[in-house]
All heavy atoms as atom14 arrays in JSON, in Angstrom:
{
  "sequence": "HLNSLTVFMRYYDELLTQAARNYAFTSDEKWAELYFDAEPKLDKTIQ",
  "atom14_mask": [
    [1, 1, 1, 1, 1, 1, 1, 1, 1, 1, 0, 0, 0, 0],
    [1, 1, 1, 1, 1, 1, 1, 1, 0, 0, 0, 0, 0, 0],
    [1, 1, 1, 1, 1, 1, 1, 1, 0, 0, 0, 0, 0, 0],
    [1, 1, 1, 1, 1, 1, 0, 0, 0, 0, 0, 0, 0, 0],
    [1, 1, 1, 1, 1, 1, 1, 1, 0, 0, 0, 0, 0, 0],
    [1, 1, 1, 1, 1, 1, 1, 0, 0, 0, 0, 0, 0, 0],
    [1, 1, 1, 1, 1, 1, 1, 0, 0, 0, 0, 0, 0, 0],
    [1, 1, 1, 1, 1, 1, 1, 1, 1, 1, 1, 0, 0, 0],
    [1, 1, 1, 1, 1, 1, 1, 1, 0, 0, 0, 0, 0, 0],
    [1, 1, 1, 1, 1, 1, 1, 1, 1, 1, 1, 0, 0, 0],
    [1, 1, 1, 1, 1, 1, 1, 1, 1, 1, 1, 1, 0, 0],
    [1, 1, 1, 1, 1, 1, 1, 1, 1, 1, 1, 1, 0, 0],
    [1, 1, 1, 1, 1, 1, 1, 1, 0, 0, 0, 0, 0, 0],
    [1, 1, 1, 1, 1, 1, 1, 1, 1, 0, 0, 0, 0, 0],
    [1, 1, 1, 1, 1, 1, 1, 1, 0, 0, 0, 0, 0, 0],
    [1, 1, 1, 1, 1, 1, 1, 1, 0, 0, 0, 0, 0, 0],
    [1, 1, 1, 1, 1, 1, 1, 0, 0, 0, 0, 0, 0, 0],
    [1, 1, 1, 1, 1, 1, 1, 1, 1, 0, 0, 0, 0, 0],
    [1, 1, 1, 1, 1, 0, 0, 0, 0, 0, 0, 0, 0, 0],
    [1, 1, 1, 1, 1, 0, 0, 0, 0, 0, 0, 0, 0, 0],
    [1, 1, 1, 1, 1, 1, 1, 1, 1, 1, 1, 0, 0, 0],
    [1, 1, 1, 1, 1, 1, 1, 1, 0, 0, 0, 0, 0, 0],
    [1, 1, 1, 1, 1, 1, 1, 1, 1, 1, 1, 1, 0, 0],
    [1, 1, 1, 1, 1, 0, 0, 0, 0, 0, 0, 0, 0, 0],
    [1, 1, 1, 1, 1, 1, 1, 1, 1, 1, 1, 0, 0, 0],
    [1, 1, 1, 1, 1, 1, 1, 0, 0, 0, 0, 0, 0, 0],
    [1, 1, 1, 1, 1, 1, 0, 0, 0, 0, 0, 0, 0, 0],
    [1, 1, 1, 1, 1, 1, 1, 1, 0, 0, 0, 0, 0, 0],
    [1, 1, 1, 1, 1, 1, 1, 1, 1, 0, 0, 0, 0, 0],
    [1, 1, 1, 1, 1, 1, 1, 1, 1, 0, 0, 0, 0, 0],
    [1, 1, 1, 1, 1, 1, 1, 1, 1, 1, 1, 1, 1, 1],
    [1, 1, 1, 1, 1, 0, 0, 0, 0, 0, 0, 0, 0, 0],
    [1, 1, 1, 1, 1, 1, 1, 1, 1, 0, 0, 0, 0, 0],
    [1, 1, 1, 1, 1, 1, 1, 1, 0, 0, 0, 0, 0, 0],
    [1, 1, 1, 1, 1, 1, 1, 1, 1, 1, 1, 1, 0, 0],
    [1, 1, 1, 1, 1, 1, 1, 1, 1, 1, 1, 0, 0, 0],
    [1, 1, 1, 1, 1, 1, 1, 1, 0, 0, 0, 0, 0, 0],
    [1, 1, 1, 1, 1, 0, 0, 0, 0, 0, 0, 0, 0, 0],
    [1, 1, 1, 1, 1, 1, 1, 1, 1, 0, 0, 0, 0, 0],
    [1, 1, 1, 1, 1, 1, 1, 0, 0, 0, 0, 0, 0, 0],
    [1, 1, 1, 1, 1, 1, 1, 1, 1, 0, 0, 0, 0, 0],
    [1, 1, 1, 1, 1, 1, 1, 1, 0, 0, 0, 0, 0, 0],
    [1, 1, 1, 1, 1, 1, 1, 1, 0, 0, 0, 0, 0, 0],
    [1, 1, 1, 1, 1, 1, 1, 1, 1, 0, 0, 0, 0, 0],
    [1, 1, 1, 1, 1, 1, 1, 0, 0, 0, 0, 0, 0, 0],
    [1, 1, 1, 1, 1, 1, 1, 1, 0, 0, 0, 0, 0, 0],
    [1, 1, 1, 1, 1, 1, 1, 1, 1, 0, 0, 0, 0, 0]
  ],
  "atom14_positions": [
    [[29.95, 85.22, -154.25], [30.9, 84.62, -155.19], [30.29, 84.56, -156.6], [30.99, 84.8, -157.59], [31.26, 83.23, -154.71], [32.36, 82.59, -155.51], [33.56, 83.22, -155.76], [32.43, 81.38, -156.14], [34.33, 82.44, -156.49], [33.66, 81.32, -156.75], [0.0, 0.0, 0.0], [0.0, 0.0, 0.0], [0.0, 0.0, 0.0], [0.0, 0.0, 0.0]],
    [[28.99, 84.22, -156.69], [28.33, 84.2, -158.0], [28.35, 85.57, -158.65], [28.6, 85.7, -159.85], [26.89, 83.72, -157.85], [26.66, 82.2, -157.92], [25.19, 81.89, -157.69], [27.12, 81.63, -159.24], [0.0, 0.0, 0.0], [0.0, 0.0, 0.0], [0.0, 0.0, 0.0], [0.0, 0.0, 0.0], [0.0, 0.0, 0.0], [0.0, 0.0, 0.0]],
    [[28.07, 86.62, -157.86], [28.1, 87.99, -158.4], [29.49, 88.33, -158.94], [29.64, 88.96, -159.98], [27.69, 89.0, -157.34], [26.22, 88.9, -156.99], [25.44, 88.33, -157.74], [25.83, 89.44, -155.86], [0.0, 0.0, 0.0], [0.0, 0.0, 0.0], [0.0, 0.0, 0.0], [0.0, 0.0, 0.0], [0.0, 0.0, 0.0], [0.0, 0.0, 0.0]],
    [[30.52, 87.89, -158.2], [31.89, 88.15, -158.65], [32.19, 87.41, -159.95], [32.82, 87.95, -160.86], [32.88, 87.71, -157.56], [34.19, 87.86, -158.0], [0.0, 0.0, 0.0], [0.0, 0.0, 0.0], [0.0, 0.0, 0.0], [0.0, 0.0, 0.0], [0.0, 0.0, 0.0], [0.0, 0.0, 0.0], [0.0, 0.0, 0.0], [0.0, 0.0, 0.0]],
    [[31.69, 86.17, -160.07], [31.94, 85.4, -161.29], [31.27, 86.05, -162.5], [31.84, 86.05, -163.6], [31.41, 83.96, -161.11], [32.2, 83.08, -160.13], [31.52, 81.73, -159.96], [33.64, 82.87, -160.6], [0.0, 0.0, 0.0], [0.0, 0.0, 0.0], [0.0, 0.0, 0.0], [0.0, 0.0, 0.0], [0.0, 0.0, 0.0], [0.0, 0.0, 0.0]],
    [[30.06, 86.6, -162.31], [29.4, 87.26, -163.45], [30.16, 88.51, -163.88], [30.17, 88.86, -165.06], [27.95, 87.63, -163.1], [27.93, 88.48, -161.94], [27.13, 86.38, -162.84], [0.0, 0.0, 0.0], [0.0, 0.0, 0.0], [0.0, 0.0, 0.0], [0.0, 0.0, 0.0], [0.0, 0.0, 0.0], [0.0, 0.0, 0.0], [0.0, 0.0, 0.0]],
    [[30.8, 89.21, -162.9], [31.63, 90.37, -163.26], [32.79, 89.92, -164.15], [33.11, 90.55, -165.16], [32.16, 91.06, -161.99], [33.21, 92.11, -162.35], [31.02, 91.74, -161.25], [0.0, 0.0, 0.0], [0.0, 0.0, 0.0], [0.0, 0.0, 0.0], [0.0, 0.0, 0.0], [0.0, 0.0, 0.0], [0.0, 0.0, 0.0], [0.0, 0.0, 0.0]],
    [[33.43, 88.79, -163.78], [34.52, 88.28, -164.59], [34.03, 87.79, -165.95], [34.75, 87.92, -166.96], [35.24, 87.13, -163.86], [36.2, 87.61, -162.83], [35.94, 87.48, -161.48], [37.39, 88.24, -163.21], [36.83, 87.93, -160.53], [38.29, 88.7, -162.26], [38.0, 88.54, -160.9], [0.0, 0.0, 0.0], [0.0, 0.0, 0.0], [0.0, 0.0, 0.0]],
    [[32.81, 87.24, -166.04], [32.26, 86.84, -167.34], [32.16, 88.04, -168.27], [32.5, 87.97, -169.45], [30.87, 86.22, -167.16], [30.87, 84.85, -166.52], [29.17, 84.22, -166.38], [29.38, 83.04, -165.05], [0.0, 0.0, 0.0], [0.0, 0.0, 0.0], [0.0, 0.0, 0.0], [0.0, 0.0, 0.0], [0.0, 0.0, 0.0], [0.0, 0.0, 0.0]],
    [[31.66, 89.17, -167.73], [31.53, 90.37, -168.56], [32.92, 90.87, -168.99], [33.14, 91.26, -170.14], [30.79, 91.45, -167.77], [30.42, 92.68, -168.6], [29.72, 93.71, -167.72], [28.5, 93.23, -167.16], [27.33, 93.25, -167.79], [27.25, 93.75, -169.01], [26.24, 92.81, -167.2], [0.0, 0.0, 0.0], [0.0, 0.0, 0.0], [0.0, 0.0, 0.0]],
    [[33.88, 90.85, -168.04], [35.21, 91.37, -168.35], [35.92, 90.53, -169.4], [36.44, 91.04, -170.4], [36.05, 91.41, -167.06], [37.52, 91.56, -167.34], [38.03, 92.77, -167.81], [38.4, 90.5, -167.17], [39.38, 92.9, -168.09], [39.73, 90.62, -167.45], [40.22, 91.82, -167.91], [41.54, 91.96, -168.19], [0.0, 0.0, 0.0], [0.0, 0.0, 0.0]],
    [[35.92, 89.19, -169.2], [36.62, 88.32, -170.15], [35.97, 88.36, -171.52], [36.65, 88.26, -172.56], [36.66, 86.89, -169.63], [37.69, 86.67, -168.55], [37.35, 86.1, -167.32], [39.02, 87.04, -168.74], [38.28, 85.9, -166.32], [39.97, 86.85, -167.76], [39.59, 86.28, -166.55], [40.53, 86.09, -165.57], [0.0, 0.0, 0.0], [0.0, 0.0, 0.0]],
    [[34.63, 88.47, -171.56], [33.95, 88.57, -172.86], [34.41, 89.81, -173.61], [34.7, 89.75, -174.81], [32.44, 88.61, -172.64], [31.69, 88.86, -173.94], [31.78, 88.02, -174.84], [31.05, 89.92, -174.06], [0.0, 0.0, 0.0], [0.0, 0.0, 0.0], [0.0, 0.0, 0.0], [0.0, 0.0, 0.0], [0.0, 0.0, 0.0], [0.0, 0.0, 0.0]],
    [[34.46, 90.97, -172.89], [34.93, 92.19, -173.54], [36.38, 92.05, -173.99], [36.76, 92.53, -175.08], [34.79, 93.37, -172.58], [33.34, 93.73, -172.26], [33.25, 94.85, -171.23], [34.32, 95.28, -170.75], [32.14, 95.29, -170.93], [0.0, 0.0, 0.0], [0.0, 0.0, 0.0], [0.0, 0.0, 0.0], [0.0, 0.0, 0.0], [0.0, 0.0, 0.0]],
    [[37.2, 91.41, -173.17], [38.62, 91.25, -173.5], [38.78, 90.38, -174.74], [39.56, 90.71, -175.65], [39.35, 90.61, -172.3], [40.86, 90.41, -172.46], [41.55, 91.75, -172.68], [41.44, 89.7, -171.25], [0.0, 0.0, 0.0], [0.0, 0.0, 0.0], [0.0, 0.0, 0.0], [0.0, 0.0, 0.0], [0.0, 0.0, 0.0], [0.0, 0.0, 0.0]],
    [[38.03, 89.26, -174.82], [38.13, 88.38, -175.98], [37.66, 89.08, -177.26], [38.29, 88.98, -178.32], [37.29, 87.11, -175.76], [37.82, 86.14, -174.69], [36.86, 84.98, -174.53], [39.21, 85.62, -175.05], [0.0, 0.0, 0.0], [0.0, 0.0, 0.0], [0.0, 0.0, 0.0], [0.0, 0.0, 0.0], [0.0, 0.0, 0.0], [0.0, 0.0, 0.0]],
    [[36.54, 89.8, -177.13], [36.01, 90.52, -178.31], [37.02, 91.54, -178.82], [37.3, 91.62, -180.02], [34.69, 91.23, -177.95], [33.76, 90.24, -177.53], [34.13, 91.97, -179.15], [0.0, 0.0, 0.0], [0.0, 0.0, 0.0], [0.0, 0.0, 0.0], [0.0, 0.0, 0.0], [0.0, 0.0, 0.0], [0.0, 0.0, 0.0], [0.0, 0.0, 0.0]],
    [[37.58, 92.33, -177.89], [38.52, 93.38, -178.3], [39.8, 92.78, -178.88], [40.35, 93.28, -179.87], [38.85, 94.27, -177.09], [39.5, 95.6, -177.47], [38.61, 96.42, -178.39], [37.45, 96.6, -178.11], [39.14, 96.9, -179.48], [0.0, 0.0, 0.0], [0.0, 0.0, 0.0], [0.0, 0.0, 0.0], [0.0, 0.0, 0.0], [0.0, 0.0, 0.0]],
    [[40.28, 91.68, -178.26], [41.5, 91.06, -178.77], [41.3, 90.5, -180.18], [42.14, 90.66, -181.06], [41.94, 89.94, -177.81], [0.0, 0.0, 0.0], [0.0, 0.0, 0.0], [0.0, 0.0, 0.0], [0.0, 0.0, 0.0], [0.0, 0.0, 0.0], [0.0, 0.0, 0.0], [0.0, 0.0, 0.0], [0.0, 0.0, 0.0], [0.0, 0.0, 0.0]],
    [[40.13, 89.85, -180.41], [39.84, 89.3, -181.73], [39.74, 90.4, -182.78], [40.26, 90.28, -183.9], [38.55, 88.48, -181.7], [0.0, 0.0, 0.0], [0.0, 0.0, 0.0], [0.0, 0.0, 0.0], [0.0, 0.0, 0.0], [0.0, 0.0, 0.0], [0.0, 0.0, 0.0], [0.0, 0.0, 0.0], [0.0, 0.0, 0.0], [0.0, 0.0, 0.0]],
    [[39.06, 91.5, -182.42], [38.89, 92.61, -183.37], [40.24, 93.29, -183.66], [40.54, 93.62, -184.81], [37.88, 93.63, -182.82], [36.45, 93.09, -182.78], [35.49, 94.14, -182.23], [35.36, 95.25, -183.15], [34.53, 95.29, -184.17], [33.75, 94.24, -184.44], [34.46, 96.35, -184.95], [0.0, 0.0, 0.0], [0.0, 0.0, 0.0], [0.0, 0.0, 0.0]],
    [[41.02, 93.54, -182.6], [42.33, 94.16, -182.8], [43.23, 93.29, -183.68], [43.98, 93.79, -184.52], [43.0, 94.41, -181.45], [42.38, 95.58, -180.72], [41.57, 96.3, -181.28], [42.72, 95.76, -179.47], [0.0, 0.0, 0.0], [0.0, 0.0, 0.0], [0.0, 0.0, 0.0], [0.0, 0.0, 0.0], [0.0, 0.0, 0.0], [0.0, 0.0, 0.0]],
    [[43.14, 91.96, -183.49], [43.97, 91.07, -184.31], [43.49, 91.12, -185.77], [44.3, 91.11, -186.7], [43.87, 89.64, -183.78], [44.77, 88.68, -184.52], [46.15, 88.73, -184.35], [44.24, 87.73, -185.4], [46.98, 87.86, -185.03], [45.07, 86.85, -186.08], [46.43, 86.92, -185.91], [47.25, 86.06, -186.57], [0.0, 0.0, 0.0], [0.0, 0.0, 0.0]],
    [[42.17, 91.19, -185.96], [41.63, 91.25, -187.32], [42.07, 92.52, -188.04], [42.33, 92.51, -189.24], [40.1, 91.18, -187.28], [0.0, 0.0, 0.0], [0.0, 0.0, 0.0], [0.0, 0.0, 0.0], [0.0, 0.0, 0.0], [0.0, 0.0, 0.0], [0.0, 0.0, 0.0], [0.0, 0.0, 0.0], [0.0, 0.0, 0.0], [0.0, 0.0, 0.0]],
    [[42.17, 93.64, -187.27], [42.53, 94.91, -187.9], [44.04, 95.09, -188.04], [44.52, 95.76, -188.97], [41.95, 96.08, -187.1], [40.5, 96.33, -187.36], [39.53, 95.83, -186.5], [40.08, 97.05, -188.47], [38.18, 96.05, -186.74], [38.74, 97.28, -188.73], [37.78, 96.76, -187.84], [0.0, 0.0, 0.0], [0.0, 0.0, 0.0], [0.0, 0.0, 0.0]],
    [[44.81, 94.55, -187.09], [46.26, 94.84, -187.08], [47.14, 93.66, -187.46], [48.31, 93.85, -187.79], [46.67, 95.31, -185.68], [46.51, 94.23, -184.75], [45.83, 96.51, -185.23], [0.0, 0.0, 0.0], [0.0, 0.0, 0.0], [0.0, 0.0, 0.0], [0.0, 0.0, 0.0], [0.0, 0.0, 0.0], [0.0, 0.0, 0.0], [0.0, 0.0, 0.0]],
    [[46.62, 92.41, -187.34], [47.4, 91.18, -187.57], [48.57, 91.06, -186.6], [49.5, 90.29, -186.84], [47.92, 91.13, -189.03], [46.85, 91.19, -189.94], [0.0, 0.0, 0.0], [0.0, 0.0, 0.0], [0.0, 0.0, 0.0], [0.0, 0.0, 0.0], [0.0, 0.0, 0.0], [0.0, 0.0, 0.0], [0.0, 0.0, 0.0], [0.0, 0.0, 0.0]],
    [[48.52, 91.8, -185.5], [49.59, 91.75, -184.5], [49.36, 90.51, -183.62], [48.32, 90.36, -182.97], [49.55, 93.03, -183.64], [50.79, 93.15, -182.77], [51.45, 92.13, -182.5], [51.08, 94.26, -182.33], [0.0, 0.0, 0.0], [0.0, 0.0, 0.0], [0.0, 0.0, 0.0], [0.0, 0.0, 0.0], [0.0, 0.0, 0.0], [0.0, 0.0, 0.0]],
    [[50.36, 89.61, -183.56], [50.2, 88.34, -182.86], [50.0, 88.51, -181.36], [49.53, 87.59, -180.7], [51.43, 87.45, -183.12], [51.43, 86.78, -184.47], [50.25, 85.83, -184.66], [49.85, 85.17, -183.68], [49.71, 85.78, -185.76], [0.0, 0.0, 0.0], [0.0, 0.0, 0.0], [0.0, 0.0, 0.0], [0.0, 0.0, 0.0], [0.0, 0.0, 0.0]],
    [[50.37, 89.66, -180.82], [50.19, 89.84, -179.36], [48.71, 89.78, -178.98], [48.36, 89.34, -177.88], [50.81, 91.14, -178.87], [50.04, 92.4, -179.28], [50.68, 93.64, -178.71], [49.87, 94.9, -179.05], [50.51, 96.13, -178.52], [0.0, 0.0, 0.0], [0.0, 0.0, 0.0], [0.0, 0.0, 0.0], [0.0, 0.0, 0.0], [0.0, 0.0, 0.0]],
    [[47.84, 90.19, -179.91], [46.39, 90.15, -179.62], [45.9, 88.7, -179.65], [45.03, 88.32, -178.86], [45.62, 91.0, -180.63], [45.95, 92.46, -180.54], [46.6, 93.24, -181.45], [45.66, 93.33, -179.46], [46.72, 94.52, -181.01], [46.15, 94.62, -179.79], [45.02, 93.15, -178.23], [46.03, 95.7, -178.95], [44.89, 94.25, -177.38], [45.4, 95.5, -177.74]],
    [[46.45, 87.89, -180.57], [46.06, 86.48, -180.6], [46.53, 85.78, -179.33], [45.81, 84.95, -178.75], [46.66, 85.81, -181.84], [0.0, 0.0, 0.0], [0.0, 0.0, 0.0], [0.0, 0.0, 0.0], [0.0, 0.0, 0.0], [0.0, 0.0, 0.0], [0.0, 0.0, 0.0], [0.0, 0.0, 0.0], [0.0, 0.0, 0.0], [0.0, 0.0, 0.0]],
    [[47.75, 86.1, -178.88], [48.25, 85.51, -177.64], [47.37, 85.91, -176.46], [47.05, 85.08, -175.6], [49.7, 85.95, -177.41], [50.67, 85.4, -178.44], [52.07, 85.99, -178.26], [52.27, 86.77, -177.32], [52.95, 85.65, -179.08], [0.0, 0.0, 0.0], [0.0, 0.0, 0.0], [0.0, 0.0, 0.0], [0.0, 0.0, 0.0], [0.0, 0.0, 0.0]],
    [[46.98, 87.19, -176.39], [46.1, 87.66, -175.32], [44.76, 86.94, -175.38], [44.2, 86.53, -174.35], [45.88, 89.17, -175.46], [44.94, 89.82, -174.43], [45.47, 89.64, -173.03], [44.75, 91.3, -174.75], [0.0, 0.0, 0.0], [0.0, 0.0, 0.0], [0.0, 0.0, 0.0], [0.0, 0.0, 0.0], [0.0, 0.0, 0.0], [0.0, 0.0, 0.0]],
    [[44.25, 86.73, -176.61], [42.96, 86.04, -176.77], [43.03, 84.61, -176.24], [42.2, 84.19, -175.42], [42.56, 86.04, -178.25], [41.26, 85.34, -178.51], [40.08, 86.06, -178.53], [41.19, 83.96, -178.71], [38.86, 85.43, -178.75], [39.99, 83.33, -178.93], [38.83, 84.05, -178.95], [37.64, 83.43, -179.15], [0.0, 0.0, 0.0], [0.0, 0.0, 0.0]],
    [[44.04, 83.83, -176.69], [44.11, 82.43, -176.29], [44.5, 82.27, -174.82], [44.28, 81.2, -174.24], [45.09, 81.68, -177.19], [44.57, 81.48, -178.58], [45.19, 82.09, -179.68], [43.44, 80.72, -178.81], [44.7, 81.91, -180.97], [42.94, 80.53, -180.09], [43.57, 81.14, -181.17], [0.0, 0.0, 0.0], [0.0, 0.0, 0.0], [0.0, 0.0, 0.0]],
    [[45.06, 83.29, -174.22], [45.35, 83.25, -172.78], [44.08, 83.46, -171.96], [43.89, 82.84, -170.91], [46.39, 84.33, -172.43], [46.7, 84.33, -170.95], [47.25, 83.35, -170.45], [46.36, 85.32, -170.28], [0.0, 0.0, 0.0], [0.0, 0.0, 0.0], [0.0, 0.0, 0.0], [0.0, 0.0, 0.0], [0.0, 0.0, 0.0], [0.0, 0.0, 0.0]],
    [[43.17, 84.32, -172.43], [41.96, 84.66, -171.66], [40.83, 83.68, -171.9], [39.96, 83.52, -171.03], [41.52, 86.08, -172.01], [0.0, 0.0, 0.0], [0.0, 0.0, 0.0], [0.0, 0.0, 0.0], [0.0, 0.0, 0.0], [0.0, 0.0, 0.0], [0.0, 0.0, 0.0], [0.0, 0.0, 0.0], [0.0, 0.0, 0.0], [0.0, 0.0, 0.0]],
    [[40.81, 83.02, -173.06], [39.66, 82.17, -173.41], [39.4, 81.07, -172.39], [38.27, 80.9, -171.92], [39.87, 81.58, -174.8], [38.71, 80.68, -175.24], [39.04, 79.85, -176.46], [39.93, 80.29, -177.24], [38.45, 78.77, -176.64], [0.0, 0.0, 0.0], [0.0, 0.0, 0.0], [0.0, 0.0, 0.0], [0.0, 0.0, 0.0], [0.0, 0.0, 0.0]],
    [[40.41, 80.26, -171.98], [40.12, 79.2, -171.0], [39.69, 79.76, -169.65], [38.96, 79.11, -168.91], [41.47, 78.45, -170.91], [42.51, 79.4, -171.43], [41.82, 80.22, -172.44], [0.0, 0.0, 0.0], [0.0, 0.0, 0.0], [0.0, 0.0, 0.0], [0.0, 0.0, 0.0], [0.0, 0.0, 0.0], [0.0, 0.0, 0.0], [0.0, 0.0, 0.0]],
    [[40.13, 80.98, -169.31], [39.73, 81.57, -168.03], [38.24, 81.87, -168.03], [37.55, 81.65, -167.02], [40.52, 82.86, -167.77], [42.01, 82.62, -167.6], [42.77, 83.92, -167.39], [44.28, 83.67, -167.25], [45.04, 84.93, -167.1], [0.0, 0.0, 0.0], [0.0, 0.0, 0.0], [0.0, 0.0, 0.0], [0.0, 0.0, 0.0], [0.0, 0.0, 0.0]],
    [[37.73, 82.36, -169.17], [36.29, 82.62, -169.25], [35.51, 81.31, -169.16], [34.5, 81.22, -168.45], [35.97, 83.34, -170.56], [34.47, 83.57, -170.84], [33.82, 84.34, -169.7], [34.28, 84.31, -172.15], [0.0, 0.0, 0.0], [0.0, 0.0, 0.0], [0.0, 0.0, 0.0], [0.0, 0.0, 0.0], [0.0, 0.0, 0.0], [0.0, 0.0, 0.0]],
    [[35.97, 80.29, -169.86], [35.28, 79.0, -169.84], [35.25, 78.43, -168.42], [34.23, 77.93, -167.94], [35.98, 78.03, -170.8], [35.24, 76.7, -170.88], [34.12, 76.66, -171.41], [35.78, 75.69, -170.39], [0.0, 0.0, 0.0], [0.0, 0.0, 0.0], [0.0, 0.0, 0.0], [0.0, 0.0, 0.0], [0.0, 0.0, 0.0], [0.0, 0.0, 0.0]],
    [[36.38, 78.54, -167.72], [36.45, 78.04, -166.34], [35.51, 78.81, -165.43], [34.84, 78.23, -164.56], [37.89, 78.16, -165.83], [38.09, 77.65, -164.41], [39.54, 77.8, -163.96], [39.72, 77.31, -162.52], [41.11, 77.49, -162.07], [0.0, 0.0, 0.0], [0.0, 0.0, 0.0], [0.0, 0.0, 0.0], [0.0, 0.0, 0.0], [0.0, 0.0, 0.0]],
    [[35.41, 80.13, -165.63], [34.51, 80.96, -164.82], [33.06, 80.56, -165.02], [32.29, 80.43, -164.06], [34.69, 82.45, -165.19], [36.06, 82.83, -164.96], [33.79, 83.33, -164.35], [0.0, 0.0, 0.0], [0.0, 0.0, 0.0], [0.0, 0.0, 0.0], [0.0, 0.0, 0.0], [0.0, 0.0, 0.0], [0.0, 0.0, 0.0], [0.0, 0.0, 0.0]],
    [[32.65, 80.34, -166.29], [31.27, 79.95, -166.58], [30.96, 78.58, -165.96], [29.9, 78.39, -165.36], [31.04, 79.92, -168.1], [31.18, 81.33, -168.7], [29.65, 79.37, -168.43], [31.11, 81.38, -170.21], [0.0, 0.0, 0.0], [0.0, 0.0, 0.0], [0.0, 0.0, 0.0], [0.0, 0.0, 0.0], [0.0, 0.0, 0.0], [0.0, 0.0, 0.0]],
    [[31.88, 77.64, -166.09], [31.66, 76.3, -165.54], [31.54, 76.34, -164.02], [30.72, 75.63, -163.43], [32.8, 75.35, -165.97], [32.88, 75.11, -167.47], [31.57, 74.61, -168.06], [30.9, 73.77, -167.45], [31.21, 75.11, -169.23], [0.0, 0.0, 0.0], [0.0, 0.0, 0.0], [0.0, 0.0, 0.0], [0.0, 0.0, 0.0], [0.0, 0.0, 0.0]]
  ]
}
C-alpha cells in the first residue's frame, strides 16, 4: 500500500505542476479547476 501511495504522490505532483504551468501560459480556467481538484488528493495521500 505504501508503494502504491508513493506512485500516486509522483502522479499528482506531475499533474499539479502541469496544470499550474498550463494555466500560467493559457489562462484557461479548466487548468485551475483541475489543479484545485487534485491538490487535496495529493495532501490526503501524503498524510
